[in-house]
N, C-alpha and C. Protein backbone atom coordinates (compact mmCIF):
# COMPACT_ATOMS: atom_id res chain seq x y z
N UNK A 1 16.84 -4.77 12.26
CA UNK A 1 16.85 -3.64 11.33
C UNK A 1 15.63 -2.76 11.62
N UNK A 2 15.83 -1.48 11.54
CA UNK A 2 14.73 -0.52 11.69
C UNK A 2 13.92 -0.46 10.41
N UNK A 3 12.66 -0.12 10.56
CA UNK A 3 11.77 0.00 9.40
C UNK A 3 12.11 1.26 8.63
N UNK A 4 12.21 1.13 7.31
CA UNK A 4 12.54 2.28 6.45
C UNK A 4 11.71 2.24 5.17
N UNK A 5 11.63 3.41 4.54
CA UNK A 5 11.07 3.54 3.20
C UNK A 5 12.20 3.22 2.23
N UNK A 6 11.97 2.28 1.30
CA UNK A 6 13.04 2.01 0.33
C UNK A 6 12.74 2.59 -1.05
N UNK A 7 11.46 2.90 -1.32
CA UNK A 7 11.12 3.51 -2.60
C UNK A 7 9.79 4.22 -2.48
N UNK A 8 9.61 5.25 -3.29
CA UNK A 8 8.33 5.96 -3.39
C UNK A 8 7.97 6.08 -4.86
N UNK A 9 6.67 5.97 -5.15
CA UNK A 9 6.23 5.92 -6.55
C UNK A 9 4.88 6.60 -6.69
N UNK A 10 4.62 7.07 -7.91
CA UNK A 10 3.31 7.65 -8.21
C UNK A 10 3.10 7.63 -9.71
N UNK A 11 1.83 7.74 -10.09
CA UNK A 11 1.48 7.80 -11.51
C UNK A 11 0.25 8.67 -11.65
N UNK A 12 0.29 9.58 -12.60
CA UNK A 12 -0.86 10.46 -12.82
C UNK A 12 -1.98 9.74 -13.58
N UNK A 13 -1.65 8.61 -14.19
CA UNK A 13 -2.65 7.84 -14.93
C UNK A 13 -3.04 6.59 -14.17
N UNK A 14 -4.10 5.94 -14.63
CA UNK A 14 -4.58 4.73 -13.98
C UNK A 14 -3.88 3.50 -14.53
N UNK A 15 -2.55 3.52 -14.52
CA UNK A 15 -1.75 2.35 -14.88
C UNK A 15 -1.40 1.62 -13.59
N UNK A 16 -1.23 0.31 -13.67
CA UNK A 16 -0.91 -0.44 -12.46
C UNK A 16 0.47 -0.06 -11.93
N UNK A 17 1.48 -0.15 -12.78
CA UNK A 17 2.85 0.17 -12.34
C UNK A 17 2.99 1.68 -12.16
N UNK A 18 3.73 2.04 -11.13
CA UNK A 18 3.98 3.46 -10.84
C UNK A 18 5.49 3.68 -10.86
N UNK A 19 5.97 4.66 -11.62
CA UNK A 19 7.41 4.92 -11.66
C UNK A 19 7.92 5.45 -10.32
N UNK A 20 9.14 5.04 -9.99
CA UNK A 20 9.79 5.51 -8.77
C UNK A 20 10.15 6.98 -8.91
N UNK A 21 10.12 7.68 -7.78
CA UNK A 21 10.45 9.10 -7.72
C UNK A 21 11.53 9.30 -6.65
N UNK A 22 12.18 10.45 -6.69
CA UNK A 22 13.14 10.80 -5.65
C UNK A 22 12.45 11.12 -4.34
N UNK A 23 11.22 11.62 -4.44
CA UNK A 23 10.38 11.88 -3.27
C UNK A 23 8.95 12.04 -3.75
N UNK A 24 8.02 11.89 -2.82
CA UNK A 24 6.61 12.18 -3.09
C UNK A 24 6.10 13.06 -1.97
N UNK A 25 5.04 13.80 -2.24
CA UNK A 25 4.42 14.63 -1.22
C UNK A 25 3.03 14.05 -0.94
N UNK A 26 2.79 13.76 0.34
CA UNK A 26 1.47 13.32 0.76
C UNK A 26 0.68 14.54 1.20
N UNK A 27 -0.57 14.61 0.76
CA UNK A 27 -1.44 15.73 1.07
C UNK A 27 -2.53 15.27 2.04
N UNK A 28 -2.65 15.96 3.16
CA UNK A 28 -3.59 15.58 4.21
C UNK A 28 -5.00 15.40 3.65
N UNK A 29 -5.57 14.22 3.95
CA UNK A 29 -6.94 13.92 3.55
C UNK A 29 -7.13 13.62 2.08
N UNK A 30 -6.04 13.61 1.30
CA UNK A 30 -6.16 13.43 -0.15
C UNK A 30 -5.36 12.27 -0.71
N UNK A 31 -4.09 12.15 -0.30
CA UNK A 31 -3.24 11.10 -0.84
C UNK A 31 -1.95 11.65 -1.39
N UNK A 32 -1.45 11.01 -2.45
CA UNK A 32 -0.16 11.35 -3.05
C UNK A 32 -0.34 12.40 -4.13
N UNK A 33 0.29 13.55 -3.94
CA UNK A 33 0.22 14.62 -4.92
C UNK A 33 0.67 14.10 -6.29
N UNK A 34 -0.15 14.35 -7.31
CA UNK A 34 0.18 13.92 -8.67
C UNK A 34 -0.18 12.48 -8.99
N UNK A 35 -0.79 11.76 -8.05
CA UNK A 35 -1.17 10.37 -8.29
C UNK A 35 -2.63 10.30 -8.72
N UNK A 36 -2.95 9.33 -9.55
CA UNK A 36 -4.32 9.18 -10.07
C UNK A 36 -5.33 8.88 -8.96
N UNK A 37 -4.88 8.38 -7.82
CA UNK A 37 -5.80 8.02 -6.74
C UNK A 37 -5.95 9.12 -5.70
N UNK A 38 -5.46 10.31 -6.00
CA UNK A 38 -5.58 11.45 -5.10
C UNK A 38 -7.03 11.89 -5.00
N UNK A 39 -7.52 12.08 -3.77
CA UNK A 39 -8.85 12.63 -3.60
C UNK A 39 -9.55 12.17 -2.34
N UNK A 40 -10.56 12.93 -1.95
CA UNK A 40 -11.35 12.63 -0.77
C UNK A 40 -12.26 11.43 -1.02
N UNK A 41 -12.77 11.33 -2.25
CA UNK A 41 -13.63 10.19 -2.60
C UNK A 41 -12.83 9.18 -3.41
N UNK A 42 -13.34 7.96 -3.44
CA UNK A 42 -12.67 6.84 -4.07
C UNK A 42 -12.30 7.14 -5.53
N UNK A 43 -11.12 6.67 -5.95
CA UNK A 43 -10.64 6.91 -7.32
C UNK A 43 -10.39 5.61 -8.09
N UNK A 44 -10.40 4.47 -7.42
CA UNK A 44 -10.22 3.20 -8.13
C UNK A 44 -11.43 3.00 -9.04
N UNK A 45 -11.17 2.79 -10.31
CA UNK A 45 -12.24 2.79 -11.31
C UNK A 45 -13.38 1.82 -11.01
N UNK A 46 -13.07 0.62 -10.53
CA UNK A 46 -14.14 -0.35 -10.24
C UNK A 46 -15.02 0.14 -9.10
N UNK A 47 -14.43 0.83 -8.13
CA UNK A 47 -15.19 1.35 -6.99
C UNK A 47 -15.97 2.61 -7.37
N UNK A 48 -15.41 3.42 -8.24
CA UNK A 48 -16.12 4.62 -8.73
C UNK A 48 -17.38 4.19 -9.47
N UNK A 49 -17.27 3.10 -10.25
CA UNK A 49 -18.42 2.61 -11.01
C UNK A 49 -19.57 2.19 -10.08
N UNK A 50 -19.24 1.66 -8.90
CA UNK A 50 -20.26 1.22 -7.94
C UNK A 50 -20.86 2.40 -7.18
N UNK A 51 -20.00 3.31 -6.70
CA UNK A 51 -20.46 4.45 -5.91
C UNK A 51 -19.35 5.49 -5.82
N UNK A 52 -19.39 6.51 -6.66
CA UNK A 52 -18.31 7.51 -6.69
C UNK A 52 -18.26 8.40 -5.45
N UNK A 53 -19.24 8.30 -4.56
CA UNK A 53 -19.26 9.15 -3.36
C UNK A 53 -18.61 8.47 -2.15
N UNK A 54 -18.14 7.21 -2.31
CA UNK A 54 -17.49 6.51 -1.20
C UNK A 54 -16.26 7.27 -0.75
N UNK A 55 -15.96 7.28 0.56
CA UNK A 55 -14.72 7.91 1.00
C UNK A 55 -13.52 7.13 0.48
N UNK A 56 -12.45 7.83 0.20
CA UNK A 56 -11.24 7.22 -0.34
C UNK A 56 -10.39 6.68 0.82
N UNK A 57 -10.55 5.40 1.12
CA UNK A 57 -9.77 4.74 2.15
C UNK A 57 -8.48 4.16 1.58
N UNK A 58 -8.24 4.42 0.30
CA UNK A 58 -7.10 3.86 -0.43
C UNK A 58 -6.24 4.98 -1.02
N UNK A 59 -5.97 6.00 -0.23
CA UNK A 59 -5.20 7.15 -0.70
C UNK A 59 -3.73 6.81 -0.95
N UNK A 60 -3.18 5.92 -0.13
CA UNK A 60 -1.77 5.54 -0.22
C UNK A 60 -1.69 4.02 -0.13
N UNK A 61 -0.96 3.41 -1.06
CA UNK A 61 -0.76 1.96 -1.08
C UNK A 61 0.67 1.68 -0.65
N UNK A 62 0.82 0.84 0.37
CA UNK A 62 2.14 0.45 0.88
C UNK A 62 2.34 -1.05 0.69
N UNK A 63 3.52 -1.43 0.22
CA UNK A 63 3.90 -2.84 0.11
C UNK A 63 5.25 -3.00 0.80
N UNK A 64 5.41 -4.13 1.46
CA UNK A 64 6.66 -4.48 2.12
C UNK A 64 7.59 -5.14 1.10
N UNK A 65 8.85 -4.71 1.06
CA UNK A 65 9.82 -5.26 0.11
C UNK A 65 10.04 -6.75 0.34
N UNK A 66 9.75 -7.21 1.55
CA UNK A 66 9.88 -8.64 1.83
C UNK A 66 8.94 -9.46 0.94
N UNK A 67 7.80 -8.89 0.53
CA UNK A 67 6.92 -9.57 -0.41
C UNK A 67 7.63 -9.70 -1.76
N UNK A 68 8.28 -8.64 -2.20
CA UNK A 68 9.04 -8.72 -3.46
C UNK A 68 10.09 -9.83 -3.36
N UNK A 69 10.79 -9.90 -2.22
CA UNK A 69 11.80 -10.94 -2.03
C UNK A 69 11.18 -12.33 -2.16
N UNK A 70 10.04 -12.53 -1.50
CA UNK A 70 9.34 -13.81 -1.53
C UNK A 70 8.91 -14.17 -2.96
N UNK A 71 8.37 -13.19 -3.66
CA UNK A 71 7.90 -13.44 -5.03
C UNK A 71 9.07 -13.68 -5.98
N UNK A 72 10.17 -12.97 -5.78
CA UNK A 72 11.36 -13.20 -6.61
C UNK A 72 11.90 -14.61 -6.40
N UNK A 73 11.86 -15.10 -5.16
CA UNK A 73 12.30 -16.47 -4.87
C UNK A 73 11.41 -17.49 -5.58
N UNK A 74 10.17 -17.10 -5.87
CA UNK A 74 9.23 -17.98 -6.59
C UNK A 74 9.33 -17.80 -8.10
N UNK A 75 10.26 -16.95 -8.57
CA UNK A 75 10.49 -16.81 -10.00
C UNK A 75 9.93 -15.55 -10.65
N UNK A 76 9.32 -14.67 -9.88
CA UNK A 76 8.80 -13.42 -10.44
C UNK A 76 9.90 -12.36 -10.41
N UNK A 77 9.87 -11.47 -11.40
CA UNK A 77 10.82 -10.36 -11.43
C UNK A 77 10.06 -9.08 -11.13
N UNK A 78 10.37 -8.49 -10.00
CA UNK A 78 9.64 -7.32 -9.53
C UNK A 78 10.59 -6.21 -9.12
N UNK A 79 10.05 -5.02 -9.06
CA UNK A 79 10.78 -3.86 -8.57
C UNK A 79 9.78 -2.97 -7.84
N UNK A 80 10.25 -2.12 -6.95
CA UNK A 80 9.32 -1.21 -6.26
C UNK A 80 8.47 -0.42 -7.26
N UNK A 81 7.19 -0.31 -6.94
CA UNK A 81 6.24 0.44 -7.76
C UNK A 81 5.53 -0.39 -8.81
N UNK A 82 6.06 -1.54 -9.15
CA UNK A 82 5.50 -2.32 -10.26
C UNK A 82 4.12 -2.88 -9.93
N UNK A 83 3.83 -3.10 -8.63
CA UNK A 83 2.53 -3.63 -8.23
C UNK A 83 1.57 -2.51 -7.83
N UNK A 84 1.92 -1.27 -8.19
CA UNK A 84 1.03 -0.14 -7.97
C UNK A 84 1.17 0.56 -6.64
N UNK A 85 2.17 0.17 -5.85
CA UNK A 85 2.33 0.80 -4.55
C UNK A 85 2.96 2.18 -4.65
N UNK A 86 2.59 3.03 -3.70
CA UNK A 86 3.18 4.36 -3.59
C UNK A 86 4.41 4.35 -2.70
N UNK A 87 4.40 3.49 -1.68
CA UNK A 87 5.50 3.42 -0.73
C UNK A 87 5.91 1.97 -0.55
N UNK A 88 7.19 1.68 -0.77
CA UNK A 88 7.74 0.35 -0.53
C UNK A 88 8.56 0.43 0.74
N UNK A 89 8.26 -0.48 1.68
CA UNK A 89 8.91 -0.46 2.99
C UNK A 89 9.81 -1.68 3.15
N UNK A 90 10.68 -1.63 4.14
CA UNK A 90 11.47 -2.80 4.53
C UNK A 90 11.61 -2.77 6.05
N UNK A 91 11.50 -3.96 6.66
CA UNK A 91 11.71 -4.08 8.09
C UNK A 91 10.45 -3.87 8.92
N UNK A 92 9.28 -3.91 8.29
CA UNK A 92 8.02 -3.70 9.00
C UNK A 92 7.00 -4.71 8.49
N UNK A 93 6.40 -5.47 9.41
CA UNK A 93 5.36 -6.45 9.04
C UNK A 93 4.05 -5.71 8.83
N UNK A 94 3.88 -5.12 7.66
CA UNK A 94 2.67 -4.35 7.36
C UNK A 94 1.41 -5.18 7.57
N UNK A 95 1.43 -6.43 7.12
CA UNK A 95 0.23 -7.26 7.17
C UNK A 95 -0.15 -7.66 8.59
N UNK A 96 0.79 -7.57 9.52
CA UNK A 96 0.54 -7.92 10.90
C UNK A 96 0.04 -6.76 11.75
N UNK A 97 -0.03 -5.57 11.16
CA UNK A 97 -0.48 -4.40 11.91
C UNK A 97 -2.00 -4.36 11.97
N UNK A 98 -2.57 -3.82 13.05
CA UNK A 98 -4.02 -3.70 13.12
C UNK A 98 -4.54 -2.48 12.35
N UNK A 99 -5.82 -2.52 12.04
CA UNK A 99 -6.50 -1.37 11.45
C UNK A 99 -6.32 -0.17 12.38
N UNK A 100 -6.07 0.99 11.80
CA UNK A 100 -5.90 2.20 12.60
C UNK A 100 -4.48 2.49 13.03
N UNK A 101 -3.54 1.60 12.68
CA UNK A 101 -2.14 1.87 13.00
C UNK A 101 -1.69 3.11 12.24
N UNK A 102 -0.96 3.97 12.93
CA UNK A 102 -0.41 5.17 12.31
C UNK A 102 1.07 4.97 12.03
N UNK A 103 1.47 5.39 10.83
CA UNK A 103 2.87 5.30 10.42
C UNK A 103 3.39 6.69 10.12
N UNK A 104 4.49 7.05 10.75
CA UNK A 104 5.19 8.30 10.42
C UNK A 104 6.18 7.94 9.34
N UNK A 105 5.98 8.50 8.16
CA UNK A 105 6.83 8.25 6.99
C UNK A 105 7.48 9.58 6.64
N UNK A 106 8.74 9.75 6.95
CA UNK A 106 9.38 11.03 6.68
C UNK A 106 8.62 12.13 7.39
N UNK A 107 8.17 13.13 6.62
CA UNK A 107 7.45 14.25 7.19
C UNK A 107 5.94 14.09 7.21
N UNK A 108 5.44 12.90 6.89
CA UNK A 108 4.00 12.68 6.80
C UNK A 108 3.55 11.60 7.78
N UNK A 109 2.24 11.55 8.03
CA UNK A 109 1.67 10.47 8.83
C UNK A 109 0.45 9.92 8.10
N UNK A 110 0.40 8.58 8.04
CA UNK A 110 -0.74 7.90 7.44
C UNK A 110 -1.36 6.97 8.47
N UNK A 111 -2.62 6.62 8.23
CA UNK A 111 -3.32 5.65 9.07
C UNK A 111 -3.77 4.50 8.20
N UNK A 112 -3.41 3.29 8.60
CA UNK A 112 -3.76 2.10 7.82
C UNK A 112 -5.26 1.83 7.94
N UNK A 113 -5.90 1.70 6.78
CA UNK A 113 -7.34 1.46 6.74
C UNK A 113 -7.68 0.00 6.46
N UNK A 114 -6.78 -0.74 5.83
CA UNK A 114 -7.06 -2.14 5.53
C UNK A 114 -6.11 -2.72 4.52
N UNK A 115 -6.44 -3.92 4.09
CA UNK A 115 -5.62 -4.67 3.13
C UNK A 115 -5.97 -4.30 1.70
N UNK A 116 -4.97 -4.38 0.86
CA UNK A 116 -5.24 -4.30 -0.57
C UNK A 116 -5.70 -5.68 -1.01
N UNK A 117 -6.77 -5.73 -1.74
CA UNK A 117 -7.27 -6.98 -2.28
C UNK A 117 -6.60 -7.18 -3.64
N UNK A 118 -5.75 -8.20 -3.79
CA UNK A 118 -5.08 -8.38 -5.08
C UNK A 118 -6.11 -8.56 -6.21
N UNK A 119 -5.80 -7.99 -7.36
CA UNK A 119 -6.73 -8.10 -8.48
C UNK A 119 -6.05 -8.75 -9.68
N UNK A 120 -6.86 -9.14 -10.64
CA UNK A 120 -6.37 -9.84 -11.83
C UNK A 120 -5.40 -9.01 -12.65
N UNK A 121 -5.40 -7.69 -12.47
CA UNK A 121 -4.44 -6.85 -13.20
C UNK A 121 -3.00 -7.26 -12.91
N UNK A 122 -2.75 -7.84 -11.73
CA UNK A 122 -1.40 -8.30 -11.40
C UNK A 122 -0.90 -9.32 -12.41
N UNK A 123 -1.81 -10.09 -12.99
CA UNK A 123 -1.41 -11.09 -13.99
C UNK A 123 -0.92 -10.46 -15.29
N UNK A 124 -1.25 -9.17 -15.51
CA UNK A 124 -0.73 -8.47 -16.69
C UNK A 124 0.76 -8.16 -16.51
N UNK A 125 1.21 -8.06 -15.26
CA UNK A 125 2.64 -7.85 -14.99
C UNK A 125 3.38 -9.14 -15.31
N UNK A 126 2.91 -10.23 -14.71
CA UNK A 126 3.44 -11.56 -14.98
C UNK A 126 2.34 -12.57 -14.69
N UNK A 127 2.13 -13.54 -15.58
CA UNK A 127 1.10 -14.56 -15.33
C UNK A 127 1.33 -15.27 -14.00
N UNK A 128 0.25 -15.43 -13.25
CA UNK A 128 0.32 -16.12 -11.96
C UNK A 128 0.64 -15.23 -10.77
N UNK A 129 0.90 -13.94 -11.02
CA UNK A 129 1.28 -13.06 -9.93
C UNK A 129 0.14 -12.86 -8.93
N UNK A 130 -1.09 -12.76 -9.42
CA UNK A 130 -2.19 -12.57 -8.48
C UNK A 130 -2.27 -13.75 -7.50
N UNK A 131 -2.24 -14.96 -8.02
CA UNK A 131 -2.31 -16.15 -7.16
C UNK A 131 -1.14 -16.19 -6.18
N UNK A 132 0.01 -15.72 -6.61
CA UNK A 132 1.19 -15.73 -5.74
C UNK A 132 1.08 -14.72 -4.59
N UNK A 133 0.16 -13.76 -4.71
CA UNK A 133 -0.03 -12.79 -3.63
C UNK A 133 -1.16 -13.21 -2.69
N UNK A 134 -1.66 -14.42 -2.89
CA UNK A 134 -2.69 -14.99 -2.02
C UNK A 134 -2.15 -16.26 -1.38
N UNK A 135 -2.60 -16.54 -0.18
CA UNK A 135 -2.13 -17.73 0.53
C UNK A 135 -3.25 -18.18 1.46
N UNK A 136 -3.02 -19.22 2.20
CA UNK A 136 -3.95 -19.72 3.21
C UNK A 136 -3.19 -19.86 4.52
N UNK A 137 -3.84 -19.47 5.62
CA UNK A 137 -3.22 -19.65 6.93
C UNK A 137 -3.48 -21.07 7.42
N UNK A 138 -3.03 -21.38 8.64
CA UNK A 138 -3.16 -22.73 9.19
C UNK A 138 -4.61 -23.18 9.32
N UNK A 139 -5.53 -22.22 9.41
CA UNK A 139 -6.96 -22.55 9.52
C UNK A 139 -7.68 -22.55 8.18
N UNK A 140 -6.93 -22.34 7.10
CA UNK A 140 -7.52 -22.33 5.77
C UNK A 140 -8.09 -20.99 5.34
N UNK A 141 -7.91 -19.96 6.15
CA UNK A 141 -8.41 -18.62 5.80
C UNK A 141 -7.53 -17.98 4.74
N UNK A 142 -8.16 -17.24 3.84
CA UNK A 142 -7.43 -16.55 2.79
C UNK A 142 -6.54 -15.45 3.37
N UNK A 143 -5.30 -15.40 2.93
CA UNK A 143 -4.35 -14.37 3.34
C UNK A 143 -3.99 -13.54 2.11
N UNK A 144 -4.27 -12.25 2.20
CA UNK A 144 -3.95 -11.32 1.11
C UNK A 144 -2.62 -10.67 1.44
N UNK A 145 -1.64 -10.80 0.53
CA UNK A 145 -0.29 -10.34 0.83
C UNK A 145 0.13 -9.12 0.02
N UNK A 146 -0.77 -8.50 -0.72
CA UNK A 146 -0.40 -7.43 -1.66
C UNK A 146 -0.35 -6.04 -1.02
N UNK A 147 -0.09 -5.98 0.28
CA UNK A 147 0.11 -4.69 0.92
C UNK A 147 -1.11 -4.16 1.63
N UNK A 148 -0.96 -2.93 2.10
CA UNK A 148 -2.02 -2.27 2.87
C UNK A 148 -2.35 -0.92 2.25
N UNK A 149 -3.52 -0.42 2.60
CA UNK A 149 -3.98 0.88 2.13
C UNK A 149 -4.05 1.81 3.33
N UNK A 150 -3.91 3.11 3.07
CA UNK A 150 -3.90 4.09 4.15
C UNK A 150 -4.49 5.41 3.68
N UNK A 151 -4.86 6.22 4.67
CA UNK A 151 -5.26 7.60 4.42
C UNK A 151 -4.19 8.51 5.01
N UNK A 152 -4.12 9.73 4.51
CA UNK A 152 -3.11 10.68 4.97
C UNK A 152 -3.69 11.55 6.08
N UNK A 153 -3.08 11.44 7.28
CA UNK A 153 -3.50 12.25 8.42
C UNK A 153 -2.76 13.57 8.48
N UNK A 154 -1.48 13.55 8.11
CA UNK A 154 -0.65 14.76 8.10
C UNK A 154 0.23 14.72 6.87
N UNK A 155 0.16 15.76 6.07
CA UNK A 155 0.92 15.81 4.83
C UNK A 155 2.39 16.06 5.07
N UNK A 156 3.18 15.75 4.04
CA UNK A 156 4.61 16.00 4.09
C UNK A 156 5.33 15.20 3.03
N UNK A 157 6.62 15.41 2.95
CA UNK A 157 7.46 14.73 1.96
C UNK A 157 7.89 13.37 2.49
N UNK A 158 7.93 12.39 1.57
CA UNK A 158 8.41 11.04 1.88
C UNK A 158 9.42 10.67 0.82
N UNK A 159 10.56 10.12 1.25
CA UNK A 159 11.60 9.75 0.29
C UNK A 159 12.30 8.46 0.73
N UNK A 160 12.97 7.79 -0.19
CA UNK A 160 13.72 6.59 0.17
C UNK A 160 14.72 6.91 1.29
N UNK A 161 14.84 5.97 2.23
CA UNK A 161 15.75 6.14 3.35
C UNK A 161 15.08 6.71 4.59
N UNK A 162 13.87 7.26 4.43
CA UNK A 162 13.16 7.79 5.60
C UNK A 162 12.84 6.66 6.58
N UNK A 163 13.03 6.91 7.88
CA UNK A 163 12.63 5.91 8.86
C UNK A 163 11.11 5.87 8.97
N UNK A 164 10.60 4.75 9.46
CA UNK A 164 9.16 4.58 9.68
C UNK A 164 8.94 4.36 11.17
N UNK A 165 8.13 5.22 11.77
CA UNK A 165 7.75 5.06 13.17
C UNK A 165 6.32 4.54 13.22
N UNK A 166 6.06 3.61 14.13
CA UNK A 166 4.76 2.94 14.24
C UNK A 166 4.07 3.35 15.53
N UNK A 167 2.80 3.73 15.40
CA UNK A 167 1.96 4.03 16.57
C UNK A 167 0.73 3.14 16.48
N UNK A 168 0.67 2.15 17.38
CA UNK A 168 -0.47 1.22 17.38
C UNK A 168 -1.70 1.89 17.96
N UNK A 169 -2.89 1.50 17.49
CA UNK A 169 -4.12 2.05 18.04
C UNK A 169 -4.40 1.47 19.42
N UNK A 170 -5.28 2.11 20.18
CA UNK A 170 -5.63 1.57 21.50
C UNK A 170 -6.36 0.23 21.37
N UNK A 171 -6.34 -0.52 22.46
CA UNK A 171 -7.10 -1.78 22.52
C UNK A 171 -8.58 -1.46 22.59
N UNK A 172 -9.48 -2.28 22.14
CA UNK A 172 -9.18 -3.53 21.43
C UNK A 172 -8.80 -3.22 19.98
N UNK A 173 -7.87 -3.96 19.48
CA UNK A 173 -7.39 -3.76 18.11
C UNK A 173 -8.14 -4.66 17.15
N UNK A 174 -8.35 -4.11 15.93
CA UNK A 174 -9.09 -4.84 14.90
C UNK A 174 -8.12 -5.31 13.82
N UNK A 175 -8.21 -6.57 13.42
CA UNK A 175 -7.33 -7.05 12.34
C UNK A 175 -7.67 -6.36 11.02
N UNK A 176 -6.72 -6.37 10.13
CA UNK A 176 -6.92 -5.78 8.80
C UNK A 176 -7.89 -6.63 7.99
N UNK A 177 -8.75 -5.95 7.25
CA UNK A 177 -9.65 -6.58 6.29
C UNK A 177 -9.53 -5.79 5.00
N UNK A 178 -9.90 -6.38 3.87
CA UNK A 178 -9.79 -5.65 2.60
C UNK A 178 -10.64 -4.37 2.59
N UNK A 179 -10.08 -3.32 1.97
CA UNK A 179 -10.82 -2.07 1.78
C UNK A 179 -10.88 -1.73 0.30
């Protein structure tokens, strides 16, 4: 199966869940038009409290629908946007991509900056959800499964059904780390 966008979401307020939309517009260097996290500098409240001048490396949040499938099999009831993502994908191993990977989403292009670090707010959706988005690999290293963060390189409209094209960065490639 080819990689596609299955849902797009945004929220003008700092609520975790974001309602699905028919389309969203990504604005170059800023993020999702009409979303609370839009801006050149960081907008996540905990990060603003530490240093409001930090660059916003979390302009767009992407989650793979396969995570929803995995969590549903474990008894959680989820839908696109409920975990705060702007773009829900299918058919693409987001977590396996290196830092700097570029994704063409509809008429826009984003660059992956790193992993989303799951937070305790996920437990407000359903108890135990945060722990369910964390795992350990064969070496005992923590694996964060709550999606990736990106910046907008080229603005444009993104809607469900849009194909996703992947452009890997040049070697040497760096693994994703939380941003």
